[in-house]
N, C-alpha and C. Protein backbone atom coordinates (compact mmCIF):
# COMPACT_ATOMS: atom_id res chain seq x y z
N UNK A 1 113.29 98.74 101.21
CA UNK A 1 113.45 99.20 99.85
C UNK A 1 113.95 100.63 99.82
N UNK A 2 113.29 101.54 100.48
CA UNK A 2 113.70 102.94 100.43
C UNK A 2 114.90 103.20 101.33
N UNK A 3 114.95 102.56 102.50
CA UNK A 3 116.04 102.79 103.44
C UNK A 3 117.36 102.29 102.87
N UNK A 4 117.37 101.14 102.22
CA UNK A 4 118.60 100.61 101.64
C UNK A 4 119.15 101.57 100.59
N UNK A 5 118.30 102.31 99.95
CA UNK A 5 118.72 103.23 98.91
C UNK A 5 119.56 104.39 99.39
N UNK A 6 119.58 104.64 100.69
CA UNK A 6 120.39 105.74 101.20
C UNK A 6 121.77 105.28 101.66
N UNK A 7 122.10 104.02 101.46
CA UNK A 7 123.43 103.52 101.81
C UNK A 7 124.48 104.30 101.02
N UNK A 8 125.64 104.47 101.60
CA UNK A 8 126.69 105.30 101.01
C UNK A 8 127.13 104.83 99.63
N UNK A 9 127.02 103.55 99.34
CA UNK A 9 127.50 103.04 98.05
C UNK A 9 126.43 103.03 96.96
N UNK A 10 125.25 103.51 97.24
CA UNK A 10 124.17 103.54 96.25
C UNK A 10 124.27 104.84 95.45
N UNK A 11 124.33 104.71 94.13
CA UNK A 11 124.48 105.90 93.28
C UNK A 11 123.23 106.22 92.48
N UNK A 12 122.29 105.31 92.41
CA UNK A 12 121.06 105.54 91.66
C UNK A 12 120.05 104.47 91.98
N UNK A 13 118.81 104.73 91.65
CA UNK A 13 117.71 103.82 91.96
C UNK A 13 116.84 103.60 90.73
N UNK A 14 116.37 102.37 90.56
CA UNK A 14 115.39 102.05 89.53
C UNK A 14 114.20 101.41 90.24
N UNK A 15 113.06 102.05 90.14
CA UNK A 15 111.82 101.55 90.73
C UNK A 15 111.03 100.85 89.64
N UNK A 16 110.72 99.58 89.85
CA UNK A 16 110.02 98.77 88.86
C UNK A 16 108.65 98.41 89.43
N UNK A 17 107.60 99.05 88.91
CA UNK A 17 106.23 98.80 89.38
C UNK A 17 106.19 98.86 90.91
N UNK A 18 106.73 99.94 91.46
CA UNK A 18 106.98 99.98 92.89
C UNK A 18 106.40 101.22 93.57
N UNK A 19 106.24 101.06 94.87
CA UNK A 19 105.94 102.20 95.72
C UNK A 19 107.21 103.02 95.88
N UNK A 20 107.05 104.32 96.04
CA UNK A 20 108.18 105.21 96.34
C UNK A 20 107.74 106.19 97.42
N UNK A 21 107.57 105.67 98.64
CA UNK A 21 107.05 106.53 99.71
C UNK A 21 108.03 107.62 100.12
N UNK A 22 107.47 108.70 100.57
CA UNK A 22 108.26 109.80 101.13
C UNK A 22 108.59 109.44 102.58
N UNK A 23 109.52 110.16 103.15
CA UNK A 23 109.83 109.97 104.57
C UNK A 23 108.57 110.23 105.38
N UNK A 24 108.24 109.31 106.29
CA UNK A 24 107.05 109.43 107.10
C UNK A 24 105.78 108.91 106.45
N UNK A 25 105.90 108.36 105.25
CA UNK A 25 104.75 107.85 104.50
C UNK A 25 104.93 106.34 104.28
N UNK A 26 103.84 105.61 104.33
CA UNK A 26 103.89 104.17 104.09
C UNK A 26 103.28 103.85 102.72
N UNK A 27 103.56 102.67 102.20
CA UNK A 27 102.85 102.26 100.99
C UNK A 27 101.33 102.29 101.18
N UNK A 28 100.86 101.93 102.37
CA UNK A 28 99.42 101.99 102.64
C UNK A 28 98.90 103.42 102.51
N UNK A 29 99.69 104.39 102.97
CA UNK A 29 99.29 105.79 102.82
C UNK A 29 99.17 106.16 101.35
N UNK A 30 100.12 105.70 100.55
CA UNK A 30 100.08 105.99 99.11
C UNK A 30 98.84 105.36 98.48
N UNK A 31 98.56 104.11 98.85
CA UNK A 31 97.39 103.41 98.30
C UNK A 31 96.09 104.11 98.65
N UNK A 32 96.02 104.72 99.82
CA UNK A 32 94.77 105.34 100.29
C UNK A 32 94.29 106.45 99.36
N UNK A 33 95.16 106.97 98.51
CA UNK A 33 94.79 108.06 97.60
C UNK A 33 94.05 107.57 96.35
N UNK A 34 94.08 106.26 96.10
CA UNK A 34 93.59 105.73 94.83
C UNK A 34 92.70 104.51 95.06
N UNK A 35 91.92 104.12 94.04
CA UNK A 35 91.11 102.91 94.18
C UNK A 35 91.99 101.69 94.46
N UNK A 36 91.46 100.78 95.24
CA UNK A 36 92.20 99.58 95.62
C UNK A 36 92.44 98.67 94.42
N UNK A 37 93.54 97.95 94.46
CA UNK A 37 93.80 96.93 93.44
C UNK A 37 93.17 95.62 93.89
N UNK A 38 93.22 94.64 93.03
CA UNK A 38 92.67 93.32 93.35
C UNK A 38 93.46 92.61 94.45
N UNK A 39 94.69 93.00 94.66
CA UNK A 39 95.54 92.30 95.62
C UNK A 39 94.94 92.25 97.01
N UNK A 40 94.39 93.35 97.46
CA UNK A 40 93.89 93.42 98.85
C UNK A 40 92.89 92.31 99.18
N UNK A 41 92.10 91.90 98.21
CA UNK A 41 91.11 90.85 98.46
C UNK A 41 91.70 89.45 98.42
N UNK A 42 92.97 89.35 98.09
CA UNK A 42 93.58 88.03 97.91
C UNK A 42 94.85 87.84 98.73
N UNK A 43 94.95 88.55 99.84
CA UNK A 43 96.09 88.37 100.73
C UNK A 43 95.73 87.38 101.83
N UNK A 44 96.67 86.54 102.18
CA UNK A 44 96.52 85.58 103.26
C UNK A 44 97.36 86.09 104.43
N UNK A 45 96.74 86.19 105.60
CA UNK A 45 97.43 86.67 106.79
C UNK A 45 97.80 85.50 107.69
N UNK A 46 99.02 85.53 108.19
CA UNK A 46 99.49 84.52 109.13
C UNK A 46 100.14 85.22 110.31
N UNK A 47 99.78 84.81 111.54
CA UNK A 47 100.43 85.42 112.70
C UNK A 47 101.92 85.08 112.69
N UNK A 48 102.73 86.05 112.99
CA UNK A 48 104.18 85.85 113.06
C UNK A 48 104.75 86.90 114.00
N UNK A 49 104.70 86.62 115.30
CA UNK A 49 105.21 87.60 116.25
C UNK A 49 106.68 87.91 115.98
N UNK A 50 106.99 89.17 115.97
CA UNK A 50 108.37 89.60 115.78
C UNK A 50 109.06 89.67 117.15
N UNK A 51 110.37 89.49 117.18
CA UNK A 51 111.08 89.59 118.47
C UNK A 51 110.78 90.92 119.15
N UNK A 52 110.44 90.84 120.44
CA UNK A 52 110.16 92.05 121.18
C UNK A 52 108.74 92.57 121.02
N UNK A 53 107.93 91.88 120.23
CA UNK A 53 106.54 92.29 120.01
C UNK A 53 105.64 91.09 120.23
N UNK A 54 104.47 91.36 120.75
CA UNK A 54 103.52 90.27 120.95
C UNK A 54 102.83 89.88 119.66
N UNK A 55 102.62 90.85 118.79
CA UNK A 55 101.88 90.57 117.57
C UNK A 55 102.73 90.89 116.35
N UNK A 56 102.49 90.16 115.33
CA UNK A 56 103.11 90.40 114.04
C UNK A 56 102.32 89.61 113.01
N UNK A 57 102.21 90.13 111.82
CA UNK A 57 101.44 89.46 110.78
C UNK A 57 102.28 89.42 109.51
N UNK A 58 102.33 88.26 108.91
CA UNK A 58 102.95 88.11 107.60
C UNK A 58 101.84 87.95 106.57
N UNK A 59 102.09 88.44 105.38
CA UNK A 59 101.11 88.37 104.29
C UNK A 59 101.71 87.65 103.10
N UNK A 60 100.86 86.97 102.37
CA UNK A 60 101.25 86.38 101.09
C UNK A 60 100.03 86.42 100.18
N UNK A 61 100.27 86.18 98.90
CA UNK A 61 99.17 86.19 97.93
C UNK A 61 98.55 84.79 97.91
N UNK A 62 97.23 84.73 98.00
CA UNK A 62 96.54 83.44 97.94
C UNK A 62 96.96 82.71 96.66
N UNK A 63 97.39 81.45 96.79
CA UNK A 63 97.88 80.72 95.61
C UNK A 63 96.90 80.69 94.44
N UNK A 64 95.59 80.60 94.72
CA UNK A 64 94.62 80.53 93.62
C UNK A 64 94.45 81.87 92.90
N UNK A 65 94.89 82.95 93.52
CA UNK A 65 94.79 84.27 92.89
C UNK A 65 96.15 84.77 92.39
N UNK A 66 97.19 83.99 92.61
CA UNK A 66 98.54 84.44 92.29
C UNK A 66 98.68 84.78 90.81
N UNK A 67 98.22 83.91 89.93
CA UNK A 67 98.38 84.16 88.49
C UNK A 67 97.61 85.41 88.04
N UNK A 68 96.32 85.51 88.27
CA UNK A 68 95.62 86.69 87.75
C UNK A 68 95.98 88.01 88.44
N UNK A 69 96.31 87.96 89.72
CA UNK A 69 96.53 89.20 90.47
C UNK A 69 98.00 89.62 90.50
N UNK A 70 98.89 88.68 90.67
CA UNK A 70 100.30 89.01 90.87
C UNK A 70 101.18 88.65 89.68
N UNK A 71 100.85 87.57 89.01
CA UNK A 71 101.74 87.05 87.96
C UNK A 71 101.09 87.01 86.59
N UNK A 72 100.12 87.87 86.35
CA UNK A 72 99.48 87.91 85.03
C UNK A 72 100.55 88.07 83.96
N UNK A 73 100.35 87.39 82.86
CA UNK A 73 101.32 87.46 81.77
C UNK A 73 102.31 86.32 81.77
N UNK A 74 102.41 85.61 82.87
CA UNK A 74 103.29 84.44 82.93
C UNK A 74 102.50 83.20 82.58
N UNK A 75 103.19 82.15 82.16
CA UNK A 75 102.48 80.91 81.90
C UNK A 75 102.05 80.30 83.23
N UNK A 76 101.01 79.48 83.19
CA UNK A 76 100.42 78.92 84.41
C UNK A 76 101.42 78.11 85.22
N UNK A 77 102.29 77.36 84.56
CA UNK A 77 103.27 76.55 85.28
C UNK A 77 104.25 77.39 86.07
N UNK A 78 104.76 78.44 85.45
CA UNK A 78 105.69 79.34 86.15
C UNK A 78 104.98 80.03 87.31
N UNK A 79 103.77 80.50 87.07
CA UNK A 79 103.01 81.17 88.13
C UNK A 79 102.74 80.23 89.30
N UNK A 80 102.46 78.97 89.00
CA UNK A 80 102.19 78.00 90.07
C UNK A 80 103.44 77.79 90.93
N UNK A 81 104.59 77.66 90.29
CA UNK A 81 105.84 77.50 91.05
C UNK A 81 106.09 78.73 91.92
N UNK A 82 105.90 79.90 91.35
CA UNK A 82 106.09 81.13 92.13
C UNK A 82 105.09 81.22 93.28
N UNK A 83 103.86 80.80 93.04
CA UNK A 83 102.82 80.89 94.07
C UNK A 83 103.15 80.02 95.28
N UNK A 84 103.60 78.80 95.03
CA UNK A 84 103.87 77.89 96.16
C UNK A 84 105.23 78.14 96.80
N UNK A 85 106.08 78.89 96.13
CA UNK A 85 107.41 79.16 96.70
C UNK A 85 107.57 80.61 97.15
N UNK A 86 106.49 81.39 97.06
CA UNK A 86 106.59 82.80 97.45
C UNK A 86 106.96 82.95 98.92
N UNK A 87 107.71 83.97 99.19
CA UNK A 87 108.06 84.29 100.57
C UNK A 87 107.08 85.34 101.07
N UNK A 88 106.54 85.11 102.24
CA UNK A 88 105.61 86.09 102.80
C UNK A 88 106.39 87.35 103.17
N UNK A 89 105.64 88.42 103.39
CA UNK A 89 106.27 89.67 103.82
C UNK A 89 105.54 90.20 105.04
N UNK A 90 106.25 90.92 105.85
CA UNK A 90 105.66 91.48 107.06
C UNK A 90 104.66 92.56 106.70
N UNK A 91 103.50 92.49 107.32
CA UNK A 91 102.48 93.52 107.13
C UNK A 91 103.07 94.91 107.41
N UNK A 92 104.00 94.97 108.35
CA UNK A 92 104.62 96.25 108.70
C UNK A 92 105.35 96.88 107.51
N UNK A 93 105.83 96.08 106.58
CA UNK A 93 106.50 96.63 105.40
C UNK A 93 105.53 97.47 104.58
N UNK A 94 104.26 97.19 104.70
CA UNK A 94 103.22 97.92 103.98
C UNK A 94 102.67 99.09 104.80
N UNK A 95 102.62 98.91 106.12
CA UNK A 95 101.93 99.89 106.96
C UNK A 95 102.84 100.86 107.71
N UNK A 96 104.10 100.50 107.92
CA UNK A 96 104.98 101.39 108.66
C UNK A 96 105.52 102.50 107.76
N UNK A 97 105.56 103.71 108.27
CA UNK A 97 106.10 104.82 107.48
C UNK A 97 107.59 104.64 107.20
N UNK A 98 108.00 105.06 106.03
CA UNK A 98 109.41 105.01 105.65
C UNK A 98 110.20 105.99 106.51
N UNK A 99 111.40 105.60 106.89
CA UNK A 99 112.24 106.50 107.69
C UNK A 99 113.18 107.32 106.81
N UNK A 100 113.18 107.01 105.53
CA UNK A 100 113.99 107.77 104.57
C UNK A 100 113.33 107.67 103.20
N UNK A 101 113.63 108.61 102.35
CA UNK A 101 113.16 108.60 100.96
C UNK A 101 114.39 108.75 100.08
N UNK A 102 114.93 107.62 99.66
CA UNK A 102 116.19 107.63 98.91
C UNK A 102 116.09 108.44 97.62
N UNK A 103 114.92 108.50 97.01
CA UNK A 103 114.77 109.25 95.76
C UNK A 103 115.01 110.74 95.94
N UNK A 104 115.04 111.20 97.18
CA UNK A 104 115.33 112.62 97.41
C UNK A 104 116.81 112.93 97.29
N UNK A 105 117.66 111.92 97.45
CA UNK A 105 119.10 112.15 97.44
C UNK A 105 119.84 111.36 96.36
N UNK A 106 119.13 110.53 95.61
CA UNK A 106 119.75 109.73 94.56
C UNK A 106 118.98 109.91 93.26
N UNK A 107 119.68 109.96 92.13
CA UNK A 107 118.95 109.98 90.86
C UNK A 107 118.12 108.70 90.75
N UNK A 108 116.91 108.85 90.24
CA UNK A 108 115.99 107.72 90.19
C UNK A 108 115.29 107.63 88.84
N UNK A 109 114.95 106.40 88.47
CA UNK A 109 114.22 106.09 87.25
C UNK A 109 113.04 105.22 87.66
N UNK A 110 111.94 105.29 86.92
CA UNK A 110 110.77 104.51 87.27
C UNK A 110 110.14 103.84 86.07
N UNK A 111 109.56 102.68 86.34
CA UNK A 111 108.80 101.96 85.32
C UNK A 111 107.41 101.71 85.87
N UNK A 112 106.41 102.22 85.16
CA UNK A 112 105.00 102.01 85.53
C UNK A 112 104.50 100.79 84.78
N UNK A 113 103.92 99.85 85.51
CA UNK A 113 103.27 98.69 84.91
C UNK A 113 101.80 99.05 84.73
N UNK A 114 101.40 99.36 83.51
CA UNK A 114 100.05 99.90 83.29
C UNK A 114 98.94 98.88 83.53
N UNK A 115 99.27 97.59 83.54
CA UNK A 115 98.26 96.56 83.80
C UNK A 115 98.46 95.92 85.17
N UNK A 116 99.10 96.65 86.07
CA UNK A 116 99.41 96.13 87.41
C UNK A 116 98.13 95.98 88.22
N UNK A 117 97.93 94.80 88.80
CA UNK A 117 96.79 94.55 89.68
C UNK A 117 97.26 94.38 91.13
N UNK A 118 98.54 94.66 91.36
CA UNK A 118 99.13 94.56 92.69
C UNK A 118 99.37 95.94 93.28
N UNK A 119 100.09 96.78 92.56
CA UNK A 119 100.29 98.18 92.94
C UNK A 119 99.56 99.02 91.89
N UNK A 120 98.68 99.87 92.35
CA UNK A 120 97.90 100.72 91.45
C UNK A 120 98.85 101.54 90.55
N UNK A 121 98.72 101.44 89.23
CA UNK A 121 99.59 102.23 88.35
C UNK A 121 99.59 103.73 88.67
N UNK A 122 98.46 104.27 89.11
CA UNK A 122 98.42 105.68 89.48
C UNK A 122 99.27 105.97 90.72
N UNK A 123 99.41 105.00 91.61
CA UNK A 123 100.29 105.15 92.77
C UNK A 123 101.74 105.21 92.29
N UNK A 124 102.08 104.34 91.35
CA UNK A 124 103.43 104.35 90.79
C UNK A 124 103.71 105.71 90.13
N UNK A 125 102.79 106.16 89.27
CA UNK A 125 102.96 107.45 88.58
C UNK A 125 103.11 108.60 89.58
N UNK A 126 102.23 108.62 90.56
CA UNK A 126 102.26 109.68 91.57
C UNK A 126 103.63 109.77 92.23
N UNK A 127 104.13 108.65 92.70
CA UNK A 127 105.41 108.65 93.39
C UNK A 127 106.56 109.07 92.49
N UNK A 128 106.57 108.58 91.26
CA UNK A 128 107.66 108.90 90.34
C UNK A 128 107.62 110.38 89.93
N UNK A 129 106.41 110.90 89.72
CA UNK A 129 106.29 112.32 89.36
C UNK A 129 106.67 113.21 90.54
N UNK A 130 106.20 112.86 91.71
CA UNK A 130 106.53 113.64 92.90
C UNK A 130 108.05 113.67 93.12
N UNK A 131 108.70 112.55 92.87
CA UNK A 131 110.14 112.47 93.07
C UNK A 131 110.95 113.06 91.94
N UNK A 132 110.28 113.56 90.92
CA UNK A 132 110.97 114.14 89.75
C UNK A 132 112.06 113.20 89.24
N UNK A 133 111.65 111.94 89.02
CA UNK A 133 112.59 110.94 88.53
C UNK A 133 113.16 111.39 87.20
N UNK A 134 114.38 111.00 86.92
CA UNK A 134 115.04 111.41 85.68
C UNK A 134 114.28 110.93 84.46
N UNK A 135 113.75 109.75 84.54
CA UNK A 135 112.95 109.21 83.43
C UNK A 135 111.93 108.24 83.99
N UNK A 136 110.76 108.25 83.39
CA UNK A 136 109.69 107.31 83.74
C UNK A 136 109.16 106.76 82.44
N UNK A 137 109.11 105.43 82.34
CA UNK A 137 108.50 104.82 81.17
C UNK A 137 107.29 104.03 81.63
N UNK A 138 106.36 103.85 80.71
CA UNK A 138 105.19 103.03 80.98
C UNK A 138 105.25 101.81 80.08
N UNK A 139 105.02 100.66 80.69
CA UNK A 139 105.03 99.40 79.97
C UNK A 139 103.67 98.75 80.14
N UNK A 140 103.06 98.34 79.05
CA UNK A 140 101.76 97.68 79.10
C UNK A 140 101.97 96.25 79.58
N UNK A 141 102.07 96.12 80.89
CA UNK A 141 102.33 94.81 81.46
C UNK A 141 101.92 94.76 82.92
N UNK A 142 102.02 93.56 83.51
CA UNK A 142 101.59 93.33 84.89
C UNK A 142 102.70 93.68 85.89
N UNK A 143 102.45 93.36 87.14
CA UNK A 143 103.38 93.69 88.21
C UNK A 143 104.77 93.10 88.01
N UNK A 144 104.86 91.89 87.54
CA UNK A 144 106.16 91.23 87.39
C UNK A 144 106.82 91.57 86.06
N UNK A 145 107.00 92.84 85.80
CA UNK A 145 107.59 93.30 84.54
C UNK A 145 108.96 92.69 84.28
N UNK A 146 109.72 92.46 85.33
CA UNK A 146 111.06 91.92 85.12
C UNK A 146 111.02 90.53 84.51
N UNK A 147 109.89 89.86 84.61
CA UNK A 147 109.75 88.54 83.99
C UNK A 147 108.97 88.61 82.68
N UNK A 148 107.99 89.49 82.60
CA UNK A 148 107.18 89.54 81.38
C UNK A 148 107.75 90.48 80.32
N UNK A 149 108.49 91.48 80.74
CA UNK A 149 109.07 92.47 79.82
C UNK A 149 110.52 92.77 80.22
N UNK A 150 111.37 91.73 80.25
CA UNK A 150 112.74 91.94 80.74
C UNK A 150 113.54 92.94 79.93
N UNK A 151 113.30 93.02 78.63
CA UNK A 151 114.07 93.95 77.80
C UNK A 151 113.85 95.40 78.23
N UNK A 152 112.60 95.75 78.50
CA UNK A 152 112.29 97.11 78.93
C UNK A 152 112.95 97.42 80.27
N UNK A 153 112.93 96.45 81.17
CA UNK A 153 113.54 96.64 82.49
C UNK A 153 115.05 96.80 82.35
N UNK A 154 115.66 95.93 81.56
CA UNK A 154 117.12 96.01 81.36
C UNK A 154 117.50 97.35 80.73
N UNK A 155 116.72 97.83 79.78
CA UNK A 155 117.02 99.12 79.15
C UNK A 155 117.09 100.24 80.18
N UNK A 156 116.14 100.26 81.10
CA UNK A 156 116.12 101.32 82.12
C UNK A 156 117.30 101.16 83.08
N UNK A 157 117.58 99.93 83.48
CA UNK A 157 118.72 99.69 84.38
C UNK A 157 120.02 100.10 83.71
N UNK A 158 120.18 99.75 82.44
CA UNK A 158 121.40 100.13 81.72
C UNK A 158 121.52 101.65 81.57
N UNK A 159 120.40 102.31 81.34
CA UNK A 159 120.41 103.78 81.27
C UNK A 159 120.86 104.36 82.60
N UNK A 160 120.30 103.86 83.68
CA UNK A 160 120.68 104.35 85.01
C UNK A 160 122.16 104.10 85.28
N UNK A 161 122.65 102.94 84.89
CA UNK A 161 124.07 102.62 85.10
C UNK A 161 124.97 103.56 84.30
N UNK A 162 124.61 103.80 83.05
CA UNK A 162 125.40 104.72 82.21
C UNK A 162 125.42 106.13 82.80
N UNK A 163 124.24 106.59 83.21
CA UNK A 163 124.13 107.97 83.69
C UNK A 163 124.74 108.18 85.07
N UNK A 164 125.00 107.11 85.80
CA UNK A 164 125.63 107.26 87.12
C UNK A 164 127.06 106.74 87.13
N UNK A 165 127.55 106.29 85.99
CA UNK A 165 128.91 105.75 85.92
C UNK A 165 129.92 106.79 86.40
N UNK A 166 130.81 106.35 87.27
CA UNK A 166 131.84 107.23 87.79
C UNK A 166 131.42 108.08 88.96
N UNK A 167 130.15 108.00 89.35
CA UNK A 167 129.70 108.78 90.51
C UNK A 167 129.86 107.94 91.77
N UNK A 168 129.81 108.60 92.89
CA UNK A 168 129.86 107.89 94.17
C UNK A 168 128.58 108.18 94.92
N UNK A 169 128.28 107.32 95.87
CA UNK A 169 127.08 107.51 96.67
C UNK A 169 127.15 108.78 97.50
N UNK A 170 126.04 109.16 98.04
CA UNK A 170 125.93 110.35 98.87
C UNK A 170 125.86 109.90 100.32
N UNK A 171 126.62 110.51 101.17
CA UNK A 171 126.57 110.15 102.60
C UNK A 171 125.45 110.83 103.31
C-alpha cells in the first residue's frame, strides 16, 4: 500500500479507513498506541510458508464475525458472500515495517471511518494528522466505507483528482 504510492506515475493518494505508516513503522506499531479493535479476536491464522522462508502465516476474518467486525453496515447476504470469498493476507503485511512512506512525497487525503471495528479510528486520525494530509473527512461508518458510503469516498477521490490534475509523479 505505502510502497506502491512512491511509484513515479503516482501523483496523489487517498487513504480510506487505512493505516498510513511511516518509513520503518508497521501497522502493528501504529495499533500498539491505541486500544485494540474487535478484529484481533476474530482473525483466523493459516500456515503459508513463503518462498525462501520456512514459516509464513496468512490471516483472514472469521466468517461468523465478518459482518459485525469487518462489514458492518452491509446487508447480511452481501457480507456472507464477501466473507466466504475474502482473500487472506500475509501476517507480514501487518507486522513488517514499511520501507517507504508515500504520504511524505505525495499529496494525500484521508477518510476516517468513525465506526470502524477493523482499524482503530484514532489510528487513522493519528496517521493522517501526522502526514499533514491536504484534507481529512470523518464519515460515520464502518471499515468498508467504499461500499456503505460510496458518495463520500467518490467525493474525496474526485477532489484529489482535480487538485492533482496536470501534475506528474515524483521520482
